[in-house]
């Protein structure tokens, strides 16, 4: 019975390793997207302030 389980365990181990790699890649993409969103938010706020200043004149 143990002989039947070894290939299954090896297969699941490989699958888990691939999923961990994919999770790391996706996590990095998420961090990058959050950073970009923060930058874009700052730009948007600055643009709104400029528009507000120009329309107040």
C-alpha atoms as a PDB file:
ATOM      1  CA  UNK A   1       0.000   0.000   0.000  1.00  0.00           C
ATOM      2  CA  UNK A   2       2.843   2.409   0.761  1.00  0.00           C
ATOM      3  CA  UNK A   3       4.161   1.918  -2.792  1.00  0.00           C
ATOM      4  CA  UNK A   4       0.886   3.328  -4.122  1.00  0.00           C
ATOM      5  CA  UNK A   5       1.072   6.392  -1.924  1.00  0.00           C
ATOM      6  CA  UNK A   6       4.650   7.435  -2.732  1.00  0.00           C
ATOM      7  CA  UNK A   7       3.948   8.571  -6.320  1.00  0.00           C
ATOM      8  CA  UNK A   8       0.831  10.387  -5.124  1.00  0.00           C
ATOM      9  CA  UNK A   9       2.779  12.186  -2.393  1.00  0.00           C
ATOM     10  CA  UNK A  10       5.503  13.132  -4.883  1.00  0.00           C
ATOM     11  CA  UNK A  11       2.903  14.433  -7.315  1.00  0.00           C
ATOM     12  CA  UNK A  12       1.187  16.486  -4.635  1.00  0.00           C
ATOM     13  CA  UNK A  13       4.547  17.830  -3.455  1.00  0.00           C
ATOM     14  CA  UNK A  14       5.380  19.022  -6.989  1.00  0.00           C
ATOM     15  CA  UNK A  15       1.932  20.554  -7.347  1.00  0.00           C
ATOM     16  CA  UNK A  16       2.340  22.371  -4.030  1.00  0.00           C
ATOM     17  CA  UNK A  17       5.752  23.703  -5.061  1.00  0.00           C
ATOM     18  CA  UNK A  18       4.325  25.035  -8.328  1.00  0.00           C
ATOM     19  CA  UNK A  19       1.442  26.657  -6.466  1.00  0.00           C
ATOM     20  CA  UNK A  20       3.892  28.312  -4.057  1.00  0.00           C
ATOM     21  CA  UNK A  21       5.849  29.745  -6.997  1.00  0.00           C
ATOM     22  CA  UNK A  22       2.634  31.017  -8.581  1.00  0.00           C
ATOM     23  CA  UNK A  23       1.541  32.529  -5.260  1.00  0.00           C
ATOM     24  CA  UNK A  24       4.867  34.368  -4.913  1.00  0.00           C
ATOM     25  CA  UNK A  25       4.571  35.706  -8.465  1.00  0.00           C
ATOM     26  CA  UNK A  26       0.986  36.811  -7.946  1.00  0.00           C
ATOM     27  CA  UNK A  27       1.843  38.412  -4.592  1.00  0.00           C
ATOM     28  CA  UNK A  28       4.602  40.440  -6.265  1.00  0.00           C
ATOM     29  CA  UNK A  29       2.190  41.548  -8.988  1.00  0.00           C
ATOM     30  CA  UNK A  30      -0.296  42.608  -6.316  1.00  0.00           C
ATOM     31  CA  UNK A  31       2.341  44.612  -4.426  1.00  0.00           C
ATOM     32  CA  UNK A  32       3.375  46.304  -7.682  1.00  0.00           C
ATOM     33  CA  UNK A  33      -0.250  47.122  -8.519  1.00  0.00           C
ATOM     34  CA  UNK A  34      -0.815  48.577  -5.046  1.00  0.00           C
ATOM     35  CA  UNK A  35       2.289  50.756  -5.421  1.00  0.00           C
ATOM     36  CA  UNK A  36       1.141  51.998  -8.831  1.00  0.00           C
ATOM     37  CA  UNK A  37      -2.344  52.699  -7.477  1.00  0.00           C
ATOM     38  CA  UNK A  38      -0.805  54.767  -4.687  1.00  0.00           C
ATOM     39  CA  UNK A  39       1.241  56.771  -7.177  1.00  0.00           C
ATOM     40  CA  UNK A  40      -1.792  57.351  -9.391  1.00  0.00           C
ATOM     41  CA  UNK A  41      -3.857  58.425  -6.386  1.00  0.00           C
ATOM     42  CA  UNK A  42      -1.214  60.996  -5.470  1.00  0.00           C
ATOM     43  CA  UNK A  43      -1.145  62.297  -9.055  1.00  0.00           C
ATOM     44  CA  UNK A  44      -4.942  62.538  -9.108  1.00  0.00           C
ATOM     45  CA  UNK A  45      -5.026  64.471  -5.835  1.00  0.00           C
ATOM     46  CA  UNK A  46      -2.339  66.849  -7.109  1.00  0.00           C
ATOM     47  CA  UNK A  47      -4.247  67.397 -10.360  1.00  0.00           C
ATOM     48  CA  UNK A  48      -7.451  68.107  -8.437  1.00  0.00           C
ATOM     49  CA  UNK A  49      -5.622  70.690  -6.330  1.00  0.00           C
ATOM     50  CA  UNK A  50      -4.263  72.378  -9.467  1.00  0.00           C
ATOM     51  CA  UNK A  51      -7.728  72.449 -11.038  1.00  0.00           C
ATOM     52  CA  UNK A  52      -9.219  73.775  -7.815  1.00  0.00           C
ATOM     53  CA  UNK A  53      -6.556  76.485  -7.662  1.00  0.00           C
ATOM     54  CA  UNK A  54      -7.062  77.484 -11.300  1.00  0.00           C
ATOM     55  CA  UNK A  55     -10.837  77.636 -11.035  1.00  0.00           C
ATOM     56  CA  UNK A  56     -10.600  79.751  -7.871  1.00  0.00           C
ATOM     57  CA  UNK A  57      -8.691  82.501  -9.707  1.00  0.00           C
END
